[in-house]
C-alpha atoms as a PDB file:
ATOM      1  CA  UNK A   1      -4.714  18.682 -11.060  1.00  0.00           C
ATOM      2  CA  UNK A   2      -5.689  18.047  -7.416  1.00  0.00           C
ATOM      3  CA  UNK A   3      -3.338  19.310  -4.724  1.00  0.00           C
ATOM      4  CA  UNK A   4      -3.166  15.810  -3.268  1.00  0.00           C
ATOM      5  CA  UNK A   5      -1.387  14.490  -6.407  1.00  0.00           C
ATOM      6  CA  UNK A   6       2.167  14.937  -5.060  1.00  0.00           C
ATOM      7  CA  UNK A   7       1.596  13.267  -1.691  1.00  0.00           C
ATOM      8  CA  UNK A   8      -0.463  10.555  -3.392  1.00  0.00           C
ATOM      9  CA  UNK A   9       2.338   9.777  -5.829  1.00  0.00           C
ATOM     10  CA  UNK A  10       4.759   9.580  -2.902  1.00  0.00           C
ATOM     11  CA  UNK A  11       2.697   6.910  -1.121  1.00  0.00           C
ATOM     12  CA  UNK A  12       2.170   5.090  -4.427  1.00  0.00           C
ATOM     13  CA  UNK A  13       5.926   5.129  -5.077  1.00  0.00           C
ATOM     14  CA  UNK A  14       6.625   3.828  -1.580  1.00  0.00           C
ATOM     15  CA  UNK A  15       4.158   0.990  -2.122  1.00  0.00           C
ATOM     16  CA  UNK A  16       5.749   0.129  -5.475  1.00  0.00           C
ATOM     17  CA  UNK A  17       9.258  -0.003  -4.012  1.00  0.00           C
ATOM     18  CA  UNK A  18       8.102  -2.129  -1.081  1.00  0.00           C
ATOM     19  CA  UNK A  19       6.355  -4.530  -3.445  1.00  0.00           C
ATOM     20  CA  UNK A  20       9.341  -4.882  -5.751  1.00  0.00           C
ATOM     21  CA  UNK A  21      11.642  -5.426  -2.759  1.00  0.00           C
ATOM     22  CA  UNK A  22       9.378  -8.170  -1.405  1.00  0.00           C
ATOM     23  CA  UNK A  23       9.285  -9.825  -4.819  1.00  0.00           C
ATOM     24  CA  UNK A  24      13.073  -9.993  -4.775  1.00  0.00           C
ATOM     25  CA  UNK A  25      13.487 -10.868  -1.070  1.00  0.00           C
ATOM     26  CA  UNK A  26      10.298 -12.335   0.451  1.00  0.00           C
ATOM     27  CA  UNK A  27      11.896 -14.229   3.374  1.00  0.00           C
ATOM     28  CA  UNK A  28      11.822 -11.454   6.000  1.00  0.00           C
ATOM     29  CA  UNK A  29       8.188 -10.607   5.273  1.00  0.00           C
ATOM     30  CA  UNK A  30       7.217 -14.290   5.409  1.00  0.00           C
ATOM     31  CA  UNK A  31       8.966 -14.549   8.803  1.00  0.00           C
ATOM     32  CA  UNK A  32       6.991 -11.573  10.168  1.00  0.00           C
ATOM     33  CA  UNK A  33       3.716 -13.014   8.873  1.00  0.00           C
ATOM     34  CA  UNK A  34       4.438 -16.425  10.423  1.00  0.00           C
ATOM     35  CA  UNK A  35       5.348 -14.769  13.739  1.00  0.00           C
ATOM     36  CA  UNK A  36       1.867 -13.217  13.645  1.00  0.00           C
ATOM     37  CA  UNK A  37       0.303 -16.617  13.077  1.00  0.00           C
ATOM     38  CA  UNK A  38      -0.372 -16.107   9.385  1.00  0.00           C
ATOM     39  CA  UNK A  39       0.750 -19.142   7.376  1.00  0.00           C
ATOM     40  CA  UNK A  40       2.745 -17.327   4.723  1.00  0.00           C
ATOM     41  CA  UNK A  41       5.324 -18.919   2.495  1.00  0.00           C
ATOM     42  CA  UNK A  42       7.674 -16.932   0.321  1.00  0.00           C
ATOM     43  CA  UNK A  43       5.333 -17.667  -2.603  1.00  0.00           C
ATOM     44  CA  UNK A  44       2.395 -16.129  -0.715  1.00  0.00           C
ATOM     45  CA  UNK A  45       4.500 -13.051   0.068  1.00  0.00           C
ATOM     46  CA  UNK A  46       5.391 -12.737  -3.602  1.00  0.00           C
ATOM     47  CA  UNK A  47       1.702 -12.890  -4.556  1.00  0.00           C
ATOM     48  CA  UNK A  48       0.926 -10.130  -2.071  1.00  0.00           C
ATOM     49  CA  UNK A  49       3.926  -8.163  -3.401  1.00  0.00           C
ATOM     50  CA  UNK A  50       2.472  -8.471  -6.906  1.00  0.00           C
ATOM     51  CA  UNK A  51      -0.762  -7.013  -5.535  1.00  0.00           C
ATOM     52  CA  UNK A  52       1.191  -4.041  -4.144  1.00  0.00           C
ATOM     53  CA  UNK A  53       3.051  -3.491  -7.414  1.00  0.00           C
ATOM     54  CA  UNK A  54      -0.159  -3.923  -9.404  1.00  0.00           C
ATOM     55  CA  UNK A  55      -2.048  -1.409  -7.266  1.00  0.00           C
ATOM     56  CA  UNK A  56       0.786   1.104  -7.590  1.00  0.00           C
ATOM     57  CA  UNK A  57       1.041   0.573 -11.352  1.00  0.00           C
ATOM     58  CA  UNK A  58      -2.723   0.993 -11.730  1.00  0.00           C
ATOM     59  CA  UNK A  59      -2.593   4.272  -9.820  1.00  0.00           C
ATOM     60  CA  UNK A  60       0.263   5.555 -11.984  1.00  0.00           C
ATOM     61  CA  UNK A  61      -0.997   4.348 -15.365  1.00  0.00           C
ATOM     62  CA  UNK A  62      -4.744   4.899 -14.980  1.00  0.00           C
ATOM     63  CA  UNK A  63      -5.240   7.078 -11.906  1.00  0.00           C
ATOM     64  CA  UNK A  64      -8.761   7.642 -10.643  1.00  0.00           C
ATOM     65  CA  UNK A  65     -10.653   7.101  -7.424  1.00  0.00           C
ATOM     66  CA  UNK A  66     -10.731   3.314  -7.795  1.00  0.00           C
ATOM     67  CA  UNK A  67      -6.946   3.059  -7.813  1.00  0.00           C
ATOM     68  CA  UNK A  68      -6.744   5.445  -4.859  1.00  0.00           C
ATOM     69  CA  UNK A  69      -9.228   3.292  -2.939  1.00  0.00           C
ATOM     70  CA  UNK A  70      -7.051   0.234  -3.529  1.00  0.00           C
ATOM     71  CA  UNK A  71      -4.006   2.089  -2.219  1.00  0.00           C
ATOM     72  CA  UNK A  72      -5.959   3.271   0.844  1.00  0.00           C
ATOM     73  CA  UNK A  73      -7.129  -0.263   1.597  1.00  0.00           C
ATOM     74  CA  UNK A  74      -3.593  -1.652   1.381  1.00  0.00           C
ATOM     75  CA  UNK A  75      -2.136   0.967   3.720  1.00  0.00           C
ATOM     76  CA  UNK A  76      -5.081   0.497   6.084  1.00  0.00           C
ATOM     77  CA  UNK A  77      -4.394  -3.248   6.125  1.00  0.00           C
ATOM     78  CA  UNK A  78      -0.718  -2.585   6.897  1.00  0.00           C
ATOM     79  CA  UNK A  79      -1.692  -0.373   9.853  1.00  0.00           C
ATOM     80  CA  UNK A  80      -4.107  -3.012  11.177  1.00  0.00           C
ATOM     81  CA  UNK A  81      -1.402  -5.688  10.851  1.00  0.00           C
ATOM     82  CA  UNK A  82       1.168  -3.660  12.815  1.00  0.00           C
ATOM     83  CA  UNK A  83      -1.419  -2.795  15.484  1.00  0.00           C
ATOM     84  CA  UNK A  84      -2.276  -6.498  15.735  1.00  0.00           C
ATOM     85  CA  UNK A  85       1.410  -7.329  16.282  1.00  0.00           C
ATOM     86  CA  UNK A  86       1.595  -4.757  19.057  1.00  0.00           C
ATOM     87  CA  UNK A  87      -1.656  -5.784  20.761  1.00  0.00           C
ATOM     88  CA  UNK A  88      -0.634  -9.432  20.729  1.00  0.00           C
ATOM     89  CA  UNK A  89       2.840  -8.555  22.026  1.00  0.00           C
ATOM     90  CA  UNK A  90       4.511 -10.237  19.062  1.00  0.00           C
ATOM     91  CA  UNK A  91       8.161  -9.272  18.732  1.00  0.00           C
ATOM     92  CA  UNK A  92       9.627  -9.546  15.256  1.00  0.00           C
ATOM     93  CA  UNK A  93      13.142  -9.005  13.939  1.00  0.00           C
ATOM     94  CA  UNK A  94      11.885  -6.241  11.708  1.00  0.00           C
ATOM     95  CA  UNK A  95       8.983  -5.209   9.584  1.00  0.00           C
ATOM     96  CA  UNK A  96       9.845  -6.878   6.293  1.00  0.00           C
ATOM     97  CA  UNK A  97       8.376  -3.846   4.515  1.00  0.00           C
ATOM     98  CA  UNK A  98      11.245  -3.656   2.072  1.00  0.00           C
ATOM     99  CA  UNK A  99      12.031  -7.352   1.919  1.00  0.00           C
ATOM    100  CA  UNK A 100      14.710  -7.322   4.567  1.00  0.00           C
ATOM    101  CA  UNK A 101      15.025  -7.475   8.304  1.00  0.00           C
ATOM    102  CA  UNK A 102      15.649  -4.214  10.086  1.00  0.00           C
ATOM    103  CA  UNK A 103      17.059  -3.663  13.538  1.00  0.00           C
ATOM    104  CA  UNK A 104      13.753  -2.470  14.922  1.00  0.00           C
ATOM    105  CA  UNK A 105      10.367  -4.163  15.009  1.00  0.00           C
ATOM    106  CA  UNK A 106       7.421  -2.328  13.489  1.00  0.00           C
ATOM    107  CA  UNK A 107       5.709   0.054  15.878  1.00  0.00           C
ATOM    108  CA  UNK A 108       4.042   3.426  16.255  1.00  0.00           C
ATOM    109  CA  UNK A 109       6.063   5.018  13.466  1.00  0.00           C
ATOM    110  CA  UNK A 110       4.911   2.319  11.032  1.00  0.00           C
ATOM    111  CA  UNK A 111       1.310   2.682  12.139  1.00  0.00           C
ATOM    112  CA  UNK A 112       1.516   6.462  11.846  1.00  0.00           C
ATOM    113  CA  UNK A 113       3.008   6.404   8.364  1.00  0.00           C
ATOM    114  CA  UNK A 114       0.537   3.752   7.203  1.00  0.00           C
ATOM    115  CA  UNK A 115      -2.419   5.771   8.533  1.00  0.00           C
ATOM    116  CA  UNK A 116      -1.144   8.991   6.951  1.00  0.00           C
ATOM    117  CA  UNK A 117      -0.641   7.165   3.651  1.00  0.00           C
ATOM    118  CA  UNK A 118      -4.159   5.701   3.870  1.00  0.00           C
ATOM    119  CA  UNK A 119      -5.571   9.179   4.608  1.00  0.00           C
ATOM    120  CA  UNK A 120      -3.716  10.650   1.622  1.00  0.00           C
ATOM    121  CA  UNK A 121      -5.117   7.909  -0.600  1.00  0.00           C
ATOM    122  CA  UNK A 122      -8.627   8.530   0.752  1.00  0.00           C
ATOM    123  CA  UNK A 123      -8.243  12.207  -0.108  1.00  0.00           C
ATOM    124  CA  UNK A 124      -7.329  11.035  -3.620  1.00  0.00           C
ATOM    125  CA  UNK A 125     -10.581   9.036  -3.646  1.00  0.00           C
ATOM    126  CA  UNK A 126     -12.477  12.244  -2.878  1.00  0.00           C
ATOM    127  CA  UNK A 127     -10.414  14.297  -5.339  1.00  0.00           C
ATOM    128  CA  UNK A 128      -9.194  11.786  -7.913  1.00  0.00           C
ATOM    129  CA  UNK A 129      -5.649  12.043  -9.197  1.00  0.00           C
ATOM    130  CA  UNK A 130      -5.329  11.375 -12.927  1.00  0.00           C
ATOM    131  CA  UNK A 131      -2.692   9.124 -14.440  1.00  0.00           C
ATOM    132  CA  UNK A 132       0.933  10.196 -13.981  1.00  0.00           C
ATOM    133  CA  UNK A 133       1.374  11.182 -17.635  1.00  0.00           C
ATOM    134  CA  UNK A 134      -1.511  13.664 -17.341  1.00  0.00           C
ATOM    135  CA  UNK A 135      -0.046  15.113 -14.147  1.00  0.00           C
ATOM    136  CA  UNK A 136       3.387  15.502 -15.736  1.00  0.00           C
ATOM    137  CA  UNK A 137       1.877  17.120 -18.852  1.00  0.00           C
ATOM    138  CA  UNK A 138       0.834  20.200 -16.859  1.00  0.00           C
ATOM    139  CA  UNK A 139       4.087  20.473 -14.897  1.00  0.00           C
ATOM    140  CA  UNK A 140       6.942  22.806 -15.831  1.00  0.00           C
ATOM    141  CA  UNK A 141      10.135  21.368 -17.314  1.00  0.00           C
ATOM    142  CA  UNK A 142       8.356  18.207 -18.496  1.00  0.00           C
ATOM    143  CA  UNK A 143       7.579  17.305 -14.886  1.00  0.00           C
ATOM    144  CA  UNK A 144      11.186  16.701 -13.873  1.00  0.00           C
ATOM    145  CA  UNK A 145      10.955  18.826 -10.690  1.00  0.00           C
ATOM    146  CA  UNK A 146       7.720  17.019  -9.779  1.00  0.00           C
ATOM    147  CA  UNK A 147       9.358  13.616 -10.258  1.00  0.00           C
ATOM    148  CA  UNK A 148      12.342  14.800  -8.202  1.00  0.00           C
ATOM    149  CA  UNK A 149      10.168  15.890  -5.298  1.00  0.00           C
ATOM    150  CA  UNK A 150       8.139  12.676  -5.414  1.00  0.00           C
ATOM    151  CA  UNK A 151      11.313  10.573  -5.376  1.00  0.00           C
ATOM    152  CA  UNK A 152      12.651  12.612  -2.473  1.00  0.00           C
ATOM    153  CA  UNK A 153       9.391  12.050  -0.594  1.00  0.00           C
ATOM    154  CA  UNK A 154       9.568   8.309  -1.228  1.00  0.00           C
ATOM    155  CA  UNK A 155      13.165   8.202   0.001  1.00  0.00           C
ATOM    156  CA  UNK A 156      12.341  10.216   3.133  1.00  0.00           C
ATOM    157  CA  UNK A 157       9.407   7.897   3.846  1.00  0.00           C
ATOM    158  CA  UNK A 158      11.728   4.912   3.574  1.00  0.00           C
ATOM    159  CA  UNK A 159      14.157   6.572   5.989  1.00  0.00           C
ATOM    160  CA  UNK A 160      11.313   7.209   8.436  1.00  0.00           C
ATOM    161  CA  UNK A 161      10.347   3.531   8.342  1.00  0.00           C
ATOM    162  CA  UNK A 162      13.824   2.020   8.392  1.00  0.00           C
ATOM    163  CA  UNK A 163      16.146   4.407  10.228  1.00  0.00           C
ATOM    164  CA  UNK A 164      14.046   6.660  12.442  1.00  0.00           C
ATOM    165  CA  UNK A 165      12.931   3.860  14.829  1.00  0.00           C
ATOM    166  CA  UNK A 166      16.585   2.893  15.357  1.00  0.00           C
ATOM    167  CA  UNK A 167      17.572   6.484  16.034  1.00  0.00           C
ATOM    168  CA  UNK A 168      14.718   6.840  18.525  1.00  0.00           C
ATOM    169  CA  UNK A 169      15.900   3.705  20.382  1.00  0.00           C
ATOM    170  CA  UNK A 170      19.487   4.951  20.489  1.00  0.00           C
ATOM    171  CA  UNK A 171      18.339   8.349  21.768  1.00  0.00           C
ATOM    172  CA  UNK A 172      16.236   6.774  24.527  1.00  0.00           C
ATOM    173  CA  UNK A 173      19.092   4.471  25.548  1.00  0.00           C
ATOM    174  CA  UNK A 174      21.559   7.342  25.780  1.00  0.00           C
ATOM    175  CA  UNK A 175      19.070   9.409  27.818  1.00  0.00           C
ATOM    176  CA  UNK A 176      18.897   6.740  30.513  1.00  0.00           C
END
């Protein structure tokens, strides 16, 4: 099993959760897309969310370099989108990543996480990660510790995207 499997499954899990959230609540993501000049209805957001969920499911069920490439391309597209928002000076109410508005617009933290996730997926292209069942089969305790660490990594990634930007703003406001 490649060493990149754990980090790869974290970014895959994050993508899956974001896709499912956008399927359930597409309005905030559609608002961000429209603010960027992209004509996106809630139906279009749901189609893109299905792409995210499908890519994540493919990576988990089948594994392989092709699935990893799809994940890398999605995270790369997310980074380009957030950079475009910044370059154009477009202020949004939030990122819409998880189907809801957040207090902070997307910024450097989003770009950084997206680029790291894309890099992890590209490493999984170079050293393909097999399907999740095969990974769990070689783990101790039926893979439960592995699943626990992956879930913790997904949760921490969500906190970085949703809470860390707010904490950074509060810290900078209190320093002035």
